Every structure is written in C-alpha cells, then in structure tokens.
Amino acid sequence: MKVALGEIGLKKTWQTEFPKTTRCCNCGGNARIAFVAHEGMDNDDQPIIPRNTVQYVTDIHKNEGAGNFWPHDCIAVAVYFCRDCFEPVAMFNQA
C-alpha cells in the first residue's frame, strides 16, 4: 500500500476522483483531504510473495454479504480531517 499526501492523492482512486473536501460525519463541518492510501495501482505494487498470503485489505476477511461486508478487490482510501472538530473522515472505493 502506498500513500499520496494532500491533493496529489485525489486521483489515486479506482473510481471517481476523490473530492478535496467532504462533510464531517461527526459535526457536519468541512473536512479537508489529508492523504490517500492506495493499493495495487502501480507496477511496483506487484506482490513479491505468493498470492495465498495476506497482501491486500481484501485478503484479511471474506466478503459474505449483509452483516459481514468486506472489500472484494484492491482499495483506495481518502482520509480527511474536519476543520471544526478535528475528527477524521474517510471515503473508500475498490477496483
């Protein structure tokens, strides 16, 4: 997994580009991008160990549906910090 700081990371996504800001789920304030952690996007992300081991977040748990959801593929996670209450806010998507 790699990390891209600030707005540089907004395009490190498997789907639509992450926004620069988002609504804080704690206080409703404005949360600004801090970093994006992403996996499996770059050539040098290729695993050097056998695929039957834990290499990606998807490998940690099985996705078994309602009550036991889990990502089914490589992910990208955007982390934001609220300007008002300083709580972290996160968004994620998957390949």
PDB file of N, CA and C in Angstrom:
ATOM      1  N   MET A   1       0.850  -1.172   0.000  1.00  0.00           N
ATOM      2  CA  MET A   1       0.000   0.000   0.000  1.00  0.00           C
ATOM      3  C   MET A   1       0.893   1.231   0.000  1.00  0.00           C
ATOM      4  N   LYS A   2       0.483   2.211  -0.794  1.00  0.00           N
ATOM      5  CA  LYS A   2       1.225   3.463  -0.881  1.00  0.00           C
ATOM      6  C   LYS A   2       0.348   4.609  -0.407  1.00  0.00           C
ATOM      7  N   VAL A   3       0.983   5.715  -0.032  1.00  0.00           N
ATOM      8  CA  VAL A   3       0.270   6.893   0.455  1.00  0.00           C
ATOM      9  C   VAL A   3       0.655   8.095  -0.389  1.00  0.00           C
ATOM     10  N   ALA A   4      -0.354   8.881  -0.779  1.00  0.00           N
ATOM     11  CA  ALA A   4      -0.141  10.133  -1.507  1.00  0.00           C
ATOM     12  C   ALA A   4      -0.729  11.255  -0.654  1.00  0.00           C
ATOM     13  N   LEU A   5       0.089  12.252  -0.334  1.00  0.00           N
ATOM     14  CA  LEU A   5      -0.345  13.328   0.553  1.00  0.00           C
ATOM     15  C   LEU A   5      -1.167  14.390  -0.167  1.00  0.00           C
ATOM     16  N   GLY A   6      -2.143  14.940   0.551  1.00  0.00           N
ATOM     17  CA  GLY A   6      -2.932  16.066   0.072  1.00  0.00           C
ATOM     18  C   GLY A   6      -3.611  15.820  -1.261  1.00  0.00           C
ATOM     19  N   GLU A   7      -3.758  16.899  -2.029  1.00  0.00           N
ATOM     20  CA  GLU A   7      -4.491  16.849  -3.291  1.00  0.00           C
ATOM     21  C   GLU A   7      -3.838  15.957  -4.340  1.00  0.00           C
ATOM     22  N   ILE A   8      -2.552  15.654  -4.187  1.00  0.00           N
ATOM     23  CA  ILE A   8      -1.876  14.754  -5.120  1.00  0.00           C
ATOM     24  C   ILE A   8      -2.581  13.397  -5.157  1.00  0.00           C
ATOM     25  N   GLY A   9      -3.127  12.986  -4.030  1.00  0.00           N
ATOM     26  CA  GLY A   9      -3.766  11.678  -3.936  1.00  0.00           C
ATOM     27  C   GLY A   9      -5.179  11.596  -4.482  1.00  0.00           C
ATOM     28  N   LEU A  10      -5.801  12.709  -4.782  1.00  0.00           N
ATOM     29  CA  LEU A  10      -7.211  12.695  -5.188  1.00  0.00           C
ATOM     30  C   LEU A  10      -7.486  11.855  -6.425  1.00  0.00           C
ATOM     31  N   LYS A  11      -6.492  11.693  -7.284  1.00  0.00           N
ATOM     32  CA  LYS A  11      -6.662  10.882  -8.498  1.00  0.00           C
ATOM     33  C   LYS A  11      -6.227   9.434  -8.290  1.00  0.00           C
ATOM     34  N   LYS A  12      -5.682   9.119  -7.138  1.00  0.00           N
ATOM     35  CA  LYS A  12      -5.285   7.743  -6.826  1.00  0.00           C
ATOM     36  C   LYS A  12      -6.518   7.002  -6.327  1.00  0.00           C
ATOM     37  N   THR A  13      -7.393   6.675  -7.255  1.00  0.00           N
ATOM     38  CA  THR A  13      -8.686   6.095  -6.947  1.00  0.00           C
ATOM     39  C   THR A  13      -9.028   5.062  -7.996  1.00  0.00           C
ATOM     40  N   TRP A  14      -9.839   4.105  -7.622  1.00  0.00           N
ATOM     41  CA  TRP A  14     -10.280   3.082  -8.565  1.00  0.00           C
ATOM     42  C   TRP A  14     -11.555   3.492  -9.269  1.00  0.00           C
ATOM     43  N   GLN A  15     -12.178   4.570  -8.825  1.00  0.00           N
ATOM     44  CA  GLN A  15     -13.429   5.026  -9.434  1.00  0.00           C
ATOM     45  C   GLN A  15     -13.345   6.533  -9.639  1.00  0.00           C
ATOM     46  N   THR A  16     -14.384   7.271  -9.304  1.00  0.00           N
ATOM     47  CA  THR A  16     -14.405   8.718  -9.472  1.00  0.00           C
ATOM     48  C   THR A  16     -13.370   9.364  -8.554  1.00  0.00           C
ATOM     49  N   GLU A  17     -12.749  10.429  -9.037  1.00  0.00           N
ATOM     50  CA  GLU A  17     -11.757  11.163  -8.249  1.00  0.00           C
ATOM     51  C   GLU A  17     -12.347  11.570  -6.898  1.00  0.00           C
ATOM     52  N   PHE A  18     -11.541  11.458  -5.844  1.00  0.00           N
ATOM     53  CA  PHE A  18     -11.981  11.876  -4.512  1.00  0.00           C
ATOM     54  C   PHE A  18     -12.119  13.406  -4.472  1.00  0.00           C
ATOM     55  N   PRO A  19     -13.064  13.944  -3.687  1.00  0.00           N
ATOM     56  CA  PRO A  19     -13.207  15.398  -3.571  1.00  0.00           C
ATOM     57  C   PRO A  19     -12.133  15.994  -2.649  1.00  0.00           C
ATOM     58  N   LYS A  20     -11.869  17.281  -2.805  1.00  0.00           N
ATOM     59  CA  LYS A  20     -10.892  17.978  -1.944  1.00  0.00           C
ATOM     60  C   LYS A  20     -11.397  18.092  -0.511  1.00  0.00           C
ATOM     61  N   THR A  21     -12.702  18.242  -0.365  1.00  0.00           N
ATOM     62  CA  THR A  21     -13.321  18.358   0.957  1.00  0.00           C
ATOM     63  C   THR A  21     -14.559  17.481   0.997  1.00  0.00           C
ATOM     64  N   THR A  22     -15.007  17.181   2.205  1.00  0.00           N
ATOM     65  CA  THR A  22     -16.244  16.427   2.385  1.00  0.00           C
ATOM     66  C   THR A  22     -16.874  16.835   3.706  1.00  0.00           C
ATOM     67  N   ARG A  23     -18.113  16.480   3.879  1.00  0.00           N
ATOM     68  CA  ARG A  23     -18.847  16.803   5.099  1.00  0.00           C
ATOM     69  C   ARG A  23     -18.390  15.895   6.232  1.00  0.00           C
ATOM     70  N   CYS A  24     -18.169  16.489   7.391  1.00  0.00           N
ATOM     71  CA  CYS A  24     -17.794  15.718   8.572  1.00  0.00           C
ATOM     72  C   CYS A  24     -19.010  14.962   9.085  1.00  0.00           C
ATOM     73  N   CYS A  25     -18.854  13.656   9.304  1.00  0.00           N
ATOM     74  CA  CYS A  25     -19.959  12.836   9.801  1.00  0.00           C
ATOM     75  C   CYS A  25     -20.166  13.017  11.303  1.00  0.00           C
ATOM     76  N   ASN A  26     -19.251  13.718  11.981  1.00  0.00           N
ATOM     77  CA  ASN A  26     -19.369  13.946  13.413  1.00  0.00           C
ATOM     78  C   ASN A  26     -20.130  15.234  13.717  1.00  0.00           C
ATOM     79  N   CYS A  27     -19.708  16.353  13.081  1.00  0.00           N
ATOM     80  CA  CYS A  27     -20.305  17.653  13.409  1.00  0.00           C
ATOM     81  C   CYS A  27     -20.958  18.344  12.220  1.00  0.00           C
ATOM     82  N   GLY A  28     -20.805  17.791  11.018  1.00  0.00           N
ATOM     83  CA  GLY A  28     -21.375  18.424   9.835  1.00  0.00           C
ATOM     84  C   GLY A  28     -20.496  19.492   9.228  1.00  0.00           C
ATOM     85  N   GLY A  29     -19.324  19.695   9.804  1.00  0.00           N
ATOM     86  CA  GLY A  29     -18.387  20.705   9.310  1.00  0.00           C
ATOM     87  C   GLY A  29     -17.702  20.275   8.019  1.00  0.00           C
ATOM     88  N   ASN A  30     -16.683  21.019   7.655  1.00  0.00           N
ATOM     89  CA  ASN A  30     -15.944  20.798   6.409  1.00  0.00           C
ATOM     90  C   ASN A  30     -14.627  20.081   6.712  1.00  0.00           C
ATOM     91  N   ALA A  31     -14.455  18.898   6.116  1.00  0.00           N
ATOM     92  CA  ALA A  31     -13.232  18.113   6.318  1.00  0.00           C
ATOM     93  C   ALA A  31     -12.363  18.213   5.067  1.00  0.00           C
ATOM     94  N   ARG A  32     -11.073  18.478   5.262  1.00  0.00           N
ATOM     95  CA  ARG A  32     -10.127  18.658   4.153  1.00  0.00           C
ATOM     96  C   ARG A  32      -9.255  17.421   3.984  1.00  0.00           C
ATOM     97  N   ILE A  33      -8.889  17.165   2.720  1.00  0.00           N
ATOM     98  CA  ILE A  33      -8.073  15.984   2.409  1.00  0.00           C
ATOM     99  C   ILE A  33      -6.733  16.034   3.152  1.00  0.00           C
ATOM    100  N   ALA A  34      -6.349  14.893   3.702  1.00  0.00           N
ATOM    101  CA  ALA A  34      -5.038  14.748   4.346  1.00  0.00           C
ATOM    102  C   ALA A  34      -4.155  13.843   3.485  1.00  0.00           C
ATOM    103  N   PHE A  35      -4.670  12.641   3.160  1.00  0.00           N
ATOM    104  CA  PHE A  35      -3.898  11.703   2.336  1.00  0.00           C
ATOM    105  C   PHE A  35      -4.821  10.652   1.735  1.00  0.00           C
ATOM    106  N   VAL A  36      -4.295   9.957   0.738  1.00  0.00           N
ATOM    107  CA  VAL A  36      -4.988   8.818   0.142  1.00  0.00           C
ATOM    108  C   VAL A  36      -4.044   7.625   0.210  1.00  0.00           C
ATOM    109  N   ALA A  37      -4.510   6.540   0.784  1.00  0.00           N
ATOM    110  CA  ALA A  37      -3.761   5.279   0.801  1.00  0.00           C
ATOM    111  C   ALA A  37      -4.351   4.406  -0.297  1.00  0.00           C
ATOM    112  N   HIS A  38      -3.493   3.868  -1.147  1.00  0.00           N
ATOM    113  CA  HIS A  38      -3.991   3.104  -2.288  1.00  0.00           C
ATOM    114  C   HIS A  38      -3.142   1.868  -2.493  1.00  0.00           C
ATOM    115  N   GLU A  39      -3.760   0.832  -3.030  1.00  0.00           N
ATOM    116  CA  GLU A  39      -3.043  -0.419  -3.251  1.00  0.00           C
ATOM    117  C   GLU A  39      -3.328  -0.950  -4.648  1.00  0.00           C
ATOM    118  N   GLY A  40      -2.319  -1.613  -5.206  1.00  0.00           N
ATOM    119  CA  GLY A  40      -2.467  -2.324  -6.456  1.00  0.00           C
ATOM    120  C   GLY A  40      -2.514  -1.486  -7.710  1.00  0.00           C
ATOM    121  N   MET A  41      -2.155  -0.196  -7.655  1.00  0.00           N
ATOM    122  CA  MET A  41      -2.272   0.678  -8.824  1.00  0.00           C
ATOM    123  C   MET A  41      -1.012   0.772  -9.664  1.00  0.00           C
ATOM    124  N   ASP A  42       0.120   0.687  -9.030  1.00  0.00           N
ATOM    125  CA  ASP A  42       1.384   0.916  -9.715  1.00  0.00           C
ATOM    126  C   ASP A  42       2.111  -0.391  -9.979  1.00  0.00           C
ATOM    127  N   ASN A  43       2.950  -0.412 -11.001  1.00  0.00           N
ATOM    128  CA  ASN A  43       3.694  -1.629 -11.350  1.00  0.00           C
ATOM    129  C   ASN A  43       4.503  -2.165 -10.184  1.00  0.00           C
ATOM    130  N   ASP A  44       5.060  -1.266  -9.386  1.00  0.00           N
ATOM    131  CA  ASP A  44       5.875  -1.736  -8.270  1.00  0.00           C
ATOM    132  C   ASP A  44       5.022  -2.155  -7.069  1.00  0.00           C
ATOM    133  N   ASP A  45       3.697  -2.149  -7.207  1.00  0.00           N
ATOM    134  CA  ASP A  45       2.808  -2.675  -6.176  1.00  0.00           C
ATOM    135  C   ASP A  45       2.649  -4.186  -6.301  1.00  0.00           C
ATOM    136  N   GLN A  46       3.199  -4.753  -7.363  1.00  0.00           N
ATOM    137  CA  GLN A  46       3.024  -6.183  -7.593  1.00  0.00           C
ATOM    138  C   GLN A  46       3.630  -6.973  -6.442  1.00  0.00           C
ATOM    139  N   PRO A  47       2.889  -7.956  -5.949  1.00  0.00           N
ATOM    140  CA  PRO A  47       3.375  -8.736  -4.811  1.00  0.00           C
ATOM    141  C   PRO A  47       4.623  -9.537  -5.157  1.00  0.00           C
ATOM    142  N   ILE A  48       5.476  -9.675  -4.165  1.00  0.00           N
ATOM    143  CA  ILE A  48       6.681 -10.482  -4.348  1.00  0.00           C
ATOM    144  C   ILE A  48       6.580 -11.784  -3.553  1.00  0.00           C
ATOM    145  N   ILE A  49       5.414 -11.974  -2.923  1.00  0.00           N
ATOM    146  CA  ILE A  49       5.161 -13.199  -2.176  1.00  0.00           C
ATOM    147  C   ILE A  49       3.963 -13.906  -2.804  1.00  0.00           C
ATOM    148  N   PRO A  50       3.789 -15.203  -2.585  1.00  0.00           N
ATOM    149  CA  PRO A  50       2.678 -15.931  -3.195  1.00  0.00           C
ATOM    150  C   PRO A  50       1.325 -15.330  -2.839  1.00  0.00           C
ATOM    151  N   ARG A  51       0.373 -15.375  -3.765  1.00  0.00           N
ATOM    152  CA  ARG A  51      -0.942 -14.751  -3.589  1.00  0.00           C
ATOM    153  C   ARG A  51      -1.777 -15.420  -2.502  1.00  0.00           C
ATOM    154  N   ASN A  52      -1.393 -16.549  -2.000  1.00  0.00           N
ATOM    155  CA  ASN A  52      -2.176 -17.224  -0.965  1.00  0.00           C
ATOM    156  C   ASN A  52      -1.910 -16.661   0.434  1.00  0.00           C
ATOM    157  N   THR A  53      -1.206 -15.539   0.527  1.00  0.00           N
ATOM    158  CA  THR A  53      -0.954 -14.881   1.803  1.00  0.00           C
ATOM    159  C   THR A  53      -1.678 -13.533   1.817  1.00  0.00           C
ATOM    160  N   VAL A  54      -1.718 -12.887   2.967  1.00  0.00           N
ATOM    161  CA  VAL A  54      -2.364 -11.586   3.089  1.00  0.00           C
ATOM    162  C   VAL A  54      -1.475 -10.533   2.444  1.00  0.00           C
ATOM    163  N   GLN A  55      -1.965  -9.934   1.340  1.00  0.00           N
ATOM    164  CA  GLN A  55      -1.218  -8.893   0.648  1.00  0.00           C
ATOM    165  C   GLN A  55      -2.010  -7.607   0.504  1.00  0.00           C
ATOM    166  N   TYR A  56      -3.324  -7.745   0.445  1.00  0.00           N
ATOM    167  CA  TYR A  56      -4.218  -6.602   0.258  1.00  0.00           C
ATOM    168  C   TYR A  56      -5.277  -6.631   1.346  1.00  0.00           C
ATOM    169  N   VAL A  57      -5.946  -5.513   1.554  1.00  0.00           N
ATOM    170  CA  VAL A  57      -7.013  -5.450   2.557  1.00  0.00           C
ATOM    171  C   VAL A  57      -8.068  -6.525   2.288  1.00  0.00           C
ATOM    172  N   THR A  58      -8.371  -6.763   1.033  1.00  0.00           N
ATOM    173  CA  THR A  58      -9.377  -7.783   0.687  1.00  0.00           C
ATOM    174  C   THR A  58      -9.022  -9.170   1.220  1.00  0.00           C
ATOM    175  N   ASP A  59      -7.744  -9.434   1.451  1.00  0.00           N
ATOM    176  CA  ASP A  59      -7.290 -10.741   1.933  1.00  0.00           C
ATOM    177  C   ASP A  59      -7.520 -10.972   3.428  1.00  0.00           C
ATOM    178  N   ILE A  60      -7.856  -9.921   4.161  1.00  0.00           N
ATOM    179  CA  ILE A  60      -7.962 -10.031   5.617  1.00  0.00           C
ATOM    180  C   ILE A  60      -9.212 -10.795   6.056  1.00  0.00           C
ATOM    181  N   HIS A  61     -10.364 -10.496   5.416  1.00  0.00           N
ATOM    182  CA  HIS A  61     -11.629 -11.148   5.753  1.00  0.00           C
ATOM    183  C   HIS A  61     -12.364 -11.510   4.473  1.00  0.00           C
ATOM    184  N   LYS A  62     -13.310 -12.427   4.569  1.00  0.00           N
ATOM    185  CA  LYS A  62     -14.161 -12.772   3.431  1.00  0.00           C
ATOM    186  C   LYS A  62     -15.328 -11.793   3.363  1.00  0.00           C
ATOM    187  N   ASN A  63     -15.755 -11.450   2.146  1.00  0.00           N
ATOM    188  CA  ASN A  63     -16.959 -10.659   1.934  1.00  0.00           C
ATOM    189  C   ASN A  63     -18.116 -11.640   1.855  1.00  0.00           C
ATOM    190  N   GLU A  64     -18.923 -11.663   2.901  1.00  0.00           N
ATOM    191  CA  GLU A  64     -20.018 -12.629   2.956  1.00  0.00           C
ATOM    192  C   GLU A  64     -21.390 -11.959   2.935  1.00  0.00           C
ATOM    193  N   GLY A  65     -21.447 -10.718   2.485  1.00  0.00           N
ATOM    194  CA  GLY A  65     -22.736 -10.037   2.340  1.00  0.00           C
ATOM    195  C   GLY A  65     -23.200  -9.336   3.597  1.00  0.00           C
ATOM    196  N   ALA A  66     -24.479  -9.003   3.611  1.00  0.00           N
ATOM    197  CA  ALA A  66     -25.079  -8.217   4.697  1.00  0.00           C
ATOM    198  C   ALA A  66     -24.685  -8.754   6.063  1.00  0.00           C
ATOM    199  N   GLY A  67     -24.226  -7.870   6.926  1.00  0.00           N
ATOM    200  CA  GLY A  67     -23.771  -8.244   8.255  1.00  0.00           C
ATOM    201  C   GLY A  67     -22.321  -8.689   8.290  1.00  0.00           C
ATOM    202  N   ASN A  68     -21.729  -8.843   7.113  1.00  0.00           N
ATOM    203  CA  ASN A  68     -20.330  -9.268   7.044  1.00  0.00           C
ATOM    204  C   ASN A  68     -19.695  -8.760   5.744  1.00  0.00           C
ATOM    205  N   PHE A  69     -19.995  -7.499   5.399  1.00  0.00           N
ATOM    206  CA  PHE A  69     -19.418  -6.905   4.195  1.00  0.00           C
ATOM    207  C   PHE A  69     -17.924  -6.675   4.359  1.00  0.00           C
ATOM    208  N   TRP A  70     -17.196  -6.766   3.251  1.00  0.00           N
ATOM    209  CA  TRP A  70     -15.757  -6.505   3.228  1.00  0.00           C
ATOM    210  C   TRP A  70     -15.383  -6.201   1.780  1.00  0.00           C
ATOM    211  N   PRO A  71     -14.359  -5.389   1.525  1.00  0.00           N
ATOM    212  CA  PRO A  71     -13.952  -5.117   0.140  1.00  0.00           C
ATOM    213  C   PRO A  71     -13.633  -6.401  -0.619  1.00  0.00           C
ATOM    214  N   HIS A  72     -13.991  -6.433  -1.895  1.00  0.00           N
ATOM    215  CA  HIS A  72     -13.762  -7.619  -2.714  1.00  0.00           C
ATOM    216  C   HIS A  72     -12.551  -7.476  -3.638  1.00  0.00           C
ATOM    217  N   ASP A  73     -11.879  -6.318  -3.606  1.00  0.00           N
ATOM    218  CA  ASP A  73     -10.771  -6.068  -4.526  1.00  0.00           C
ATOM    219  C   ASP A  73      -9.840  -5.026  -3.906  1.00  0.00           C
ATOM    220  N   CYS A  74      -8.818  -4.624  -4.655  1.00  0.00           N
ATOM    221  CA  CYS A  74      -7.900  -3.580  -4.187  1.00  0.00           C
ATOM    222  C   CYS A  74      -8.684  -2.317  -3.851  1.00  0.00           C
ATOM    223  N   ILE A  75      -8.199  -1.556  -2.868  1.00  0.00           N
ATOM    224  CA  ILE A  75      -8.925  -0.373  -2.424  1.00  0.00           C
ATOM    225  C   ILE A  75      -8.069   0.891  -2.493  1.00  0.00           C
ATOM    226  N   ALA A  76      -8.758   2.014  -2.430  1.00  0.00           N
ATOM    227  CA  ALA A  76      -8.155   3.326  -2.221  1.00  0.00           C
ATOM    228  C   ALA A  76      -8.972   3.989  -1.119  1.00  0.00           C
ATOM    229  N   VAL A  77      -8.304   4.588  -0.142  1.00  0.00           N
ATOM    230  CA  VAL A  77      -8.974   5.217   0.996  1.00  0.00           C
ATOM    231  C   VAL A  77      -8.494   6.656   1.124  1.00  0.00           C
ATOM    232  N   ALA A  78      -9.442   7.593   1.080  1.00  0.00           N
ATOM    233  CA  ALA A  78      -9.126   9.009   1.282  1.00  0.00           C
ATOM    234  C   ALA A  78      -9.436   9.355   2.731  1.00  0.00           C
ATOM    235  N   VAL A  79      -8.481   9.979   3.407  1.00  0.00           N
ATOM    236  CA  VAL A  79      -8.665  10.372   4.807  1.00  0.00           C
ATOM    237  C   VAL A  79      -8.650  11.895   4.877  1.00  0.00           C
ATOM    238  N   TYR A  80      -9.640  12.427   5.575  1.00  0.00           N
ATOM    239  CA  TYR A  80      -9.837  13.867   5.730  1.00  0.00           C
ATOM    240  C   TYR A  80      -9.829  14.205   7.221  1.00  0.00           C
ATOM    241  N   PHE A  81      -9.541  15.476   7.561  1.00  0.00           N
ATOM    242  CA  PHE A  81      -9.664  15.950   8.937  1.00  0.00           C
ATOM    243  C   PHE A  81     -10.584  17.156   8.951  1.00  0.00           C
ATOM    244  N   CYS A  82     -11.542  17.151   9.883  1.00  0.00           N
ATOM    245  CA  CYS A  82     -12.518  18.230   9.989  1.00  0.00           C
ATOM    246  C   CYS A  82     -11.851  19.504  10.507  1.00  0.00           C
ATOM    247  N   ARG A  83     -12.189  20.612   9.864  1.00  0.00           N
ATOM    248  CA  ARG A  83     -11.645  21.913  10.281  1.00  0.00           C
ATOM    249  C   ARG A  83     -12.208  22.342  11.627  1.00  0.00           C
ATOM    250  N   ASP A  84     -13.400  21.879  11.973  1.00  0.00           N
ATOM    251  CA  ASP A  84     -14.083  22.351  13.179  1.00  0.00           C
ATOM    252  C   ASP A  84     -13.835  21.473  14.405  1.00  0.00           C
ATOM    253  N   CYS A  85     -14.029  20.165  14.259  1.00  0.00           N
ATOM    254  CA  CYS A  85     -13.890  19.279  15.424  1.00  0.00           C
ATOM    255  C   CYS A  85     -12.644  18.390  15.347  1.00  0.00           C
ATOM    256  N   PHE A  86     -11.919  18.424  14.226  1.00  0.00           N
ATOM    257  CA  PHE A  86     -10.675  17.694  14.011  1.00  0.00           C
ATOM    258  C   PHE A  86     -10.841  16.181  13.959  1.00  0.00           C
ATOM    259  N   GLU A  87     -12.078  15.703  13.817  1.00  0.00           N
ATOM    260  CA  GLU A  87     -12.315  14.268  13.672  1.00  0.00           C
ATOM    261  C   GLU A  87     -11.902  13.804  12.291  1.00  0.00           C
ATOM    262  N   PRO A  88     -11.393  12.576  12.165  1.00  0.00           N
ATOM    263  CA  PRO A  88     -11.088  12.039  10.843  1.00  0.00           C
ATOM    264  C   PRO A  88     -12.364  11.587  10.133  1.00  0.00           C
ATOM    265  N   VAL A  89     -12.360  11.730   8.818  1.00  0.00           N
ATOM    266  CA  VAL A  89     -13.456  11.275   7.958  1.00  0.00           C
ATOM    267  C   VAL A  89     -12.801  10.476   6.848  1.00  0.00           C
ATOM    268  N   ALA A  90     -13.401   9.381   6.446  1.00  0.00           N
ATOM    269  CA  ALA A  90     -12.802   8.556   5.405  1.00  0.00           C
ATOM    270  C   ALA A  90     -13.819   8.193   4.331  1.00  0.00           C
ATOM    271  N   MET A  91     -13.310   8.056   3.100  1.00  0.00           N
ATOM    272  CA  MET A  91     -14.071   7.526   1.971  1.00  0.00           C
ATOM    273  C   MET A  91     -13.207   6.448   1.363  1.00  0.00           C
ATOM    274  N   PHE A  92     -13.826   5.439   0.760  1.00  0.00           N
ATOM    275  CA  PHE A  92     -13.025   4.447   0.077  1.00  0.00           C
ATOM    276  C   PHE A  92     -13.763   3.942  -1.142  1.00  0.00           C
ATOM    277  N   ASN A  93     -13.015   3.354  -2.062  1.00  0.00           N
ATOM    278  CA  ASN A  93     -13.611   2.646  -3.186  1.00  0.00           C
ATOM    279  C   ASN A  93     -12.706   1.484  -3.538  1.00  0.00           C
ATOM    280  N   GLN A  94     -13.170   0.657  -4.452  1.00  0.00           N
ATOM    281  CA  GLN A  94     -12.399  -0.539  -4.802  1.00  0.00           C
ATOM    282  C   GLN A  94     -12.396  -0.766  -6.299  1.00  0.00           C
ATOM    283  N   ALA A  95     -11.427  -1.549  -6.732  1.00  0.00           N
ATOM    284  CA  ALA A  95     -11.284  -1.815  -8.158  1.00  0.00           C
ATOM    285  C   ALA A  95     -12.460  -2.597  -8.688  1.00  0.00           C
TER     286      ALA A  95
END
